[in-house]
C-alpha cells in the first residue's frame, strides 16, 4: 500500500541518509539549502515517537535528525573538519555503545536469574 511504501521510504531515509556517512555529501551537494528538503527533515521528526522509534535499527540517527533542525549545524556539515569530527564521534559511539549494551544485557539476565531463583 502507499502508506507502507511511504513508511519504508522514511525509515530508509532516516537511517541511511542521517547516519553521518551521507550527511556530508548531502551538505556538499546543497540539499540542506533546499527548503523542501529542510521541510522533509521536520516531517521526519515523527520518528521520535515511541511507536515509530522502536523500529529503528540505528536509533542514534534520531540525534542527527534533531541536530539537522538547526541551520547552523546544516551549514557546518560542509566543512571537512566538522565532518571528520562527527564521523570520529559516531565511530566512538558505536564502539562503546555495543560493549556497554552487552554488559547491561548480561547484568539484566543475571538479575533475572537471581530473582527467579529467589522466587522458588
N, C-alpha and C. Protein backbone atom coordinates (compact mmCIF):
# COMPACT_ATOMS: atom_id res chain seq x y z
N UNK A 1 0.83 -1.19 0.00
CA UNK A 1 0.00 0.00 0.00
C UNK A 1 0.87 1.25 0.00
N UNK A 2 0.28 2.39 -0.30
CA UNK A 2 1.01 3.65 -0.33
C UNK A 2 1.56 4.05 1.02
N UNK A 3 0.79 3.77 2.08
CA UNK A 3 1.24 4.12 3.43
C UNK A 3 2.46 3.29 3.80
N UNK A 4 2.42 1.99 3.51
CA UNK A 4 3.54 1.11 3.83
C UNK A 4 4.78 1.53 3.05
N UNK A 5 4.60 1.87 1.78
CA UNK A 5 5.72 2.30 0.95
C UNK A 5 6.32 3.59 1.49
N UNK A 6 5.49 4.55 1.88
CA UNK A 6 5.97 5.82 2.43
C UNK A 6 6.71 5.58 3.74
N UNK A 7 6.16 4.71 4.58
CA UNK A 7 6.78 4.37 5.86
C UNK A 7 8.19 3.81 5.61
N UNK A 8 8.31 2.89 4.67
CA UNK A 8 9.61 2.29 4.38
C UNK A 8 10.58 3.33 3.82
N UNK A 9 10.10 4.22 2.97
CA UNK A 9 10.96 5.27 2.42
C UNK A 9 11.47 6.18 3.53
N UNK A 10 10.59 6.58 4.43
CA UNK A 10 11.01 7.43 5.55
C UNK A 10 11.99 6.69 6.45
N UNK A 11 11.71 5.42 6.73
CA UNK A 11 12.58 4.59 7.58
C UNK A 11 13.97 4.51 6.96
N UNK A 12 14.02 4.27 5.66
CA UNK A 12 15.30 4.16 4.95
C UNK A 12 16.05 5.48 4.96
N UNK A 13 15.34 6.56 4.66
CA UNK A 13 15.98 7.87 4.62
C UNK A 13 16.56 8.23 5.97
N UNK A 14 15.79 8.01 6.99
CA UNK A 14 16.23 8.37 8.33
C UNK A 14 17.49 7.62 8.72
N UNK A 15 17.53 6.34 8.47
CA UNK A 15 18.65 5.53 8.92
C UNK A 15 19.85 5.59 7.99
N UNK A 16 19.61 5.71 6.70
CA UNK A 16 20.73 5.71 5.77
C UNK A 16 21.30 7.12 5.60
N UNK A 17 20.46 8.07 5.25
CA UNK A 17 20.95 9.42 4.99
C UNK A 17 21.47 10.10 6.24
N UNK A 18 20.82 9.89 7.35
CA UNK A 18 21.14 10.68 8.52
C UNK A 18 22.15 10.02 9.43
N UNK A 19 22.56 8.82 9.12
CA UNK A 19 23.77 8.33 9.76
C UNK A 19 24.85 9.12 9.04
N UNK A 20 25.86 9.50 9.71
CA UNK A 20 26.73 10.56 9.23
C UNK A 20 27.28 10.36 7.82
N UNK A 21 27.50 9.16 7.40
CA UNK A 21 28.19 8.92 6.14
C UNK A 21 27.62 9.72 4.98
N UNK A 22 26.32 9.94 4.97
CA UNK A 22 25.71 10.67 3.85
C UNK A 22 25.47 12.14 4.15
N UNK A 23 25.54 12.54 5.40
CA UNK A 23 25.24 13.93 5.75
C UNK A 23 26.19 14.90 5.06
N UNK A 24 27.47 14.57 5.07
CA UNK A 24 28.46 15.44 4.45
C UNK A 24 28.19 15.59 2.95
N UNK A 25 27.87 14.49 2.29
CA UNK A 25 27.58 14.52 0.86
C UNK A 25 26.33 15.36 0.59
N UNK A 26 25.30 15.18 1.41
CA UNK A 26 24.08 15.97 1.24
C UNK A 26 24.37 17.46 1.42
N UNK A 27 25.21 17.79 2.40
CA UNK A 27 25.57 19.19 2.63
C UNK A 27 26.35 19.76 1.45
N UNK A 28 27.33 19.00 0.97
CA UNK A 28 28.16 19.48 -0.13
C UNK A 28 27.36 19.65 -1.42
N UNK A 29 26.32 18.87 -1.59
CA UNK A 29 25.50 18.96 -2.81
C UNK A 29 24.36 19.97 -2.68
N UNK A 30 24.27 20.65 -1.54
CA UNK A 30 23.31 21.73 -1.38
C UNK A 30 21.91 21.33 -0.95
N UNK A 31 21.72 20.09 -0.56
CA UNK A 31 20.38 19.65 -0.15
C UNK A 31 19.86 20.44 1.05
N UNK A 32 20.76 20.82 1.96
CA UNK A 32 20.33 21.50 3.18
C UNK A 32 19.96 22.96 2.94
N UNK A 33 20.17 23.45 1.72
CA UNK A 33 19.73 24.80 1.34
C UNK A 33 18.35 24.76 0.68
N UNK A 34 17.91 23.57 0.33
CA UNK A 34 16.62 23.37 -0.34
C UNK A 34 15.50 23.35 0.69
N UNK A 35 14.60 24.32 0.60
CA UNK A 35 13.52 24.46 1.58
C UNK A 35 12.66 23.20 1.65
N UNK A 36 12.40 22.56 0.53
CA UNK A 36 11.59 21.34 0.52
C UNK A 36 12.29 20.23 1.31
N UNK A 37 13.61 20.14 1.16
CA UNK A 37 14.35 19.10 1.89
C UNK A 37 14.37 19.41 3.38
N UNK A 38 14.55 20.66 3.73
CA UNK A 38 14.53 21.07 5.15
C UNK A 38 13.15 20.77 5.75
N UNK A 39 12.09 21.01 4.99
CA UNK A 39 10.75 20.65 5.46
C UNK A 39 10.61 19.15 5.65
N UNK A 40 11.23 18.38 4.78
CA UNK A 40 11.20 16.92 4.91
C UNK A 40 11.89 16.50 6.22
N UNK A 41 12.98 17.19 6.56
CA UNK A 41 13.67 16.91 7.83
C UNK A 41 12.73 17.14 9.01
N UNK A 42 11.95 18.21 8.94
CA UNK A 42 10.98 18.49 10.01
C UNK A 42 9.91 17.41 10.05
N UNK A 43 9.43 17.02 8.90
CA UNK A 43 8.41 15.98 8.81
C UNK A 43 8.89 14.68 9.46
N UNK A 44 10.15 14.33 9.26
CA UNK A 44 10.68 13.07 9.78
C UNK A 44 10.76 13.02 11.30
N UNK A 45 10.53 14.13 11.96
CA UNK A 45 10.58 14.13 13.43
C UNK A 45 9.55 13.20 14.06
N UNK A 46 8.55 12.79 13.30
CA UNK A 46 7.57 11.86 13.87
C UNK A 46 8.22 10.55 14.30
N UNK A 47 9.41 10.25 13.76
CA UNK A 47 10.12 9.03 14.13
C UNK A 47 10.60 9.05 15.58
N UNK A 48 10.56 10.20 16.21
CA UNK A 48 10.95 10.28 17.63
C UNK A 48 9.87 9.69 18.54
N UNK A 49 8.67 9.54 18.03
CA UNK A 49 7.58 8.96 18.81
C UNK A 49 7.87 7.48 19.06
N UNK A 50 7.66 7.01 20.29
CA UNK A 50 7.99 5.62 20.63
C UNK A 50 7.39 4.57 19.70
N UNK A 51 6.17 4.82 19.20
CA UNK A 51 5.55 3.81 18.34
C UNK A 51 6.28 3.64 17.01
N UNK A 52 7.09 4.63 16.62
CA UNK A 52 7.90 4.52 15.41
C UNK A 52 9.36 4.22 15.75
N UNK A 53 9.88 4.87 16.76
CA UNK A 53 11.30 4.74 17.12
C UNK A 53 11.68 3.29 17.42
N UNK A 54 10.77 2.51 17.91
CA UNK A 54 11.09 1.12 18.27
C UNK A 54 11.48 0.29 17.05
N UNK A 55 11.18 0.75 15.86
CA UNK A 55 11.53 0.02 14.64
C UNK A 55 12.90 0.40 14.07
N UNK A 56 13.53 1.39 14.65
CA UNK A 56 14.82 1.84 14.13
C UNK A 56 15.94 0.90 14.55
N UNK A 57 16.75 0.52 13.60
CA UNK A 57 17.92 -0.31 13.89
C UNK A 57 19.04 0.57 14.45
N UNK A 58 19.11 1.80 14.00
CA UNK A 58 20.14 2.74 14.43
C UNK A 58 19.48 3.97 15.06
N UNK A 59 19.07 3.87 16.31
CA UNK A 59 18.34 4.99 16.92
C UNK A 59 19.15 6.27 17.07
N UNK A 60 20.48 6.18 16.98
CA UNK A 60 21.29 7.40 17.07
C UNK A 60 21.02 8.33 15.89
N UNK A 61 20.40 7.82 14.84
CA UNK A 61 20.06 8.70 13.72
C UNK A 61 19.05 9.77 14.15
N UNK A 62 18.30 9.50 15.22
CA UNK A 62 17.36 10.50 15.73
C UNK A 62 18.09 11.71 16.28
N UNK A 63 19.26 11.48 16.87
CA UNK A 63 20.06 12.60 17.37
C UNK A 63 20.51 13.47 16.20
N UNK A 64 20.97 12.82 15.13
CA UNK A 64 21.38 13.58 13.95
C UNK A 64 20.19 14.34 13.36
N UNK A 65 19.04 13.69 13.32
CA UNK A 65 17.84 14.35 12.80
C UNK A 65 17.52 15.59 13.63
N UNK A 66 17.66 15.47 14.93
CA UNK A 66 17.41 16.62 15.82
C UNK A 66 18.40 17.76 15.51
N UNK A 67 19.67 17.42 15.35
CA UNK A 67 20.68 18.44 15.03
C UNK A 67 20.42 19.09 13.67
N UNK A 68 19.90 18.31 12.73
CA UNK A 68 19.63 18.83 11.40
C UNK A 68 18.50 19.86 11.37
N UNK A 69 17.79 20.00 12.45
CA UNK A 69 16.74 21.01 12.53
C UNK A 69 17.34 22.41 12.65
N UNK A 70 18.63 22.49 12.96
CA UNK A 70 19.31 23.77 13.16
C UNK A 70 20.12 24.15 11.92
N UNK A 71 19.83 25.31 11.38
CA UNK A 71 20.50 25.78 10.17
C UNK A 71 22.02 25.84 10.35
N UNK A 72 22.46 26.30 11.51
CA UNK A 72 23.90 26.41 11.75
C UNK A 72 24.58 25.05 11.61
N UNK A 73 23.97 24.02 12.17
CA UNK A 73 24.54 22.67 12.07
C UNK A 73 24.58 22.22 10.61
N UNK A 74 23.51 22.47 9.88
CA UNK A 74 23.47 22.06 8.46
C UNK A 74 24.57 22.75 7.67
N UNK A 75 24.83 24.02 7.96
CA UNK A 75 25.88 24.75 7.25
C UNK A 75 27.27 24.21 7.59
N UNK A 76 27.46 23.83 8.85
CA UNK A 76 28.77 23.33 9.29
C UNK A 76 29.14 22.00 8.66
N UNK A 77 28.15 21.23 8.24
CA UNK A 77 28.43 19.91 7.67
C UNK A 77 29.23 19.96 6.37
N UNK A 78 29.26 21.12 5.73
CA UNK A 78 30.05 21.27 4.51
C UNK A 78 31.55 21.23 4.84
N UNK A 79 31.91 21.67 6.03
CA UNK A 79 33.31 21.72 6.46
C UNK A 79 33.89 20.32 6.64
N UNK A 80 35.03 20.07 6.03
CA UNK A 80 35.70 18.76 6.16
C UNK A 80 36.09 18.50 7.61
N UNK A 81 36.50 19.54 8.32
CA UNK A 81 36.90 19.39 9.72
C UNK A 81 35.70 18.97 10.58
N UNK A 82 34.58 19.60 10.37
CA UNK A 82 33.36 19.26 11.11
C UNK A 82 32.93 17.84 10.75
N UNK A 83 32.96 17.52 9.47
CA UNK A 83 32.56 16.18 9.02
C UNK A 83 33.44 15.11 9.65
N UNK A 84 34.73 15.35 9.70
CA UNK A 84 35.65 14.38 10.29
C UNK A 84 35.37 14.21 11.78
N UNK A 85 35.14 15.31 12.48
CA UNK A 85 34.87 15.25 13.92
C UNK A 85 33.60 14.42 14.19
N UNK A 86 32.55 14.68 13.45
CA UNK A 86 31.30 13.95 13.66
C UNK A 86 31.49 12.47 13.33
N UNK A 87 32.21 12.20 12.26
CA UNK A 87 32.49 10.81 11.88
C UNK A 87 33.23 10.09 13.00
N UNK A 88 34.24 10.73 13.56
CA UNK A 88 35.01 10.12 14.66
C UNK A 88 34.14 9.89 15.89
N UNK A 89 33.28 10.85 16.20
CA UNK A 89 32.40 10.70 17.36
C UNK A 89 31.41 9.55 17.15
N UNK A 90 30.93 9.42 15.93
CA UNK A 90 30.00 8.33 15.62
C UNK A 90 30.68 6.97 15.78
N UNK A 91 31.91 6.86 15.31
CA UNK A 91 32.66 5.60 15.44
C UNK A 91 32.89 5.28 16.91
N UNK A 92 33.28 6.27 17.70
CA UNK A 92 33.47 6.05 19.14
C UNK A 92 32.17 5.61 19.81
N UNK A 93 31.08 6.23 19.42
CA UNK A 93 29.78 5.85 19.98
C UNK A 93 29.48 4.39 19.68
N UNK A 94 29.66 3.98 18.43
CA UNK A 94 29.37 2.59 18.06
C UNK A 94 30.25 1.62 18.83
N UNK A 95 31.54 1.96 18.98
CA UNK A 95 32.46 1.06 19.68
C UNK A 95 32.04 0.89 21.14
N UNK A 96 31.76 1.98 21.81
CA UNK A 96 31.45 1.91 23.24
C UNK A 96 30.01 1.51 23.51
N UNK A 97 29.09 1.89 22.66
CA UNK A 97 27.69 1.55 22.85
C UNK A 97 27.50 0.04 22.83
N UNK A 98 28.13 -0.63 21.88
CA UNK A 98 27.97 -2.08 21.77
C UNK A 98 28.46 -2.79 23.02
N UNK A 99 29.63 -2.40 23.50
CA UNK A 99 30.17 -3.02 24.71
C UNK A 99 29.29 -2.73 25.92
N UNK A 100 28.90 -1.48 26.08
CA UNK A 100 28.08 -1.09 27.23
C UNK A 100 26.73 -1.80 27.18
N UNK A 101 26.14 -1.87 26.00
CA UNK A 101 24.84 -2.54 25.84
C UNK A 101 24.95 -4.02 26.21
N UNK A 102 26.04 -4.67 25.80
CA UNK A 102 26.23 -6.08 26.11
C UNK A 102 26.36 -6.29 27.62
N UNK A 103 27.12 -5.42 28.28
CA UNK A 103 27.27 -5.52 29.75
C UNK A 103 25.93 -5.31 30.45
N UNK A 104 25.14 -4.35 29.98
CA UNK A 104 23.83 -4.11 30.58
C UNK A 104 22.90 -5.31 30.40
N UNK A 105 22.94 -5.91 29.22
CA UNK A 105 22.09 -7.07 28.96
C UNK A 105 22.52 -8.26 29.82
N UNK A 106 23.83 -8.45 30.00
CA UNK A 106 24.32 -9.53 30.85
C UNK A 106 23.90 -9.31 32.30
N UNK A 107 24.03 -8.09 32.78
CA UNK A 107 23.64 -7.78 34.16
C UNK A 107 22.14 -8.00 34.36
N UNK A 108 21.34 -7.62 33.39
CA UNK A 108 19.90 -7.82 33.48
C UNK A 108 19.56 -9.31 33.50
N UNK A 109 20.22 -10.09 32.66
CA UNK A 109 19.98 -11.54 32.63
C UNK A 109 20.36 -12.18 33.97
N UNK A 110 21.49 -11.75 34.54
CA UNK A 110 21.91 -12.28 35.84
C UNK A 110 20.91 -11.91 36.93
N UNK A 111 20.43 -10.69 36.90
CA UNK A 111 19.45 -10.24 37.89
C UNK A 111 18.15 -11.04 37.77
N UNK A 112 17.72 -11.28 36.54
CA UNK A 112 16.50 -12.06 36.33
C UNK A 112 16.68 -13.50 36.83
N UNK A 113 17.87 -14.07 36.63
CA UNK A 113 18.14 -15.42 37.13
C UNK A 113 18.11 -15.45 38.65
N UNK A 114 18.70 -14.43 39.27
CA UNK A 114 18.71 -14.36 40.73
C UNK A 114 17.28 -14.20 41.27
N UNK A 115 16.51 -13.34 40.63
CA UNK A 115 15.11 -13.14 41.05
C UNK A 115 14.30 -14.42 40.89
N UNK A 116 14.54 -15.13 39.81
CA UNK A 116 13.83 -16.38 39.55
C UNK A 116 14.22 -17.44 40.59
N UNK A 117 15.52 -17.51 40.91
CA UNK A 117 15.99 -18.48 41.90
C UNK A 117 15.46 -18.14 43.29
N UNK A 118 15.40 -16.87 43.62
CA UNK A 118 14.90 -16.44 44.94
C UNK A 118 13.40 -16.68 45.07
N UNK A 119 12.69 -16.67 43.95
CA UNK A 119 11.25 -16.85 43.97
C UNK A 119 10.83 -18.30 44.14
N UNK A 120 11.75 -19.23 43.96
CA UNK A 120 11.40 -20.66 44.08
C UNK A 120 11.50 -21.15 45.48
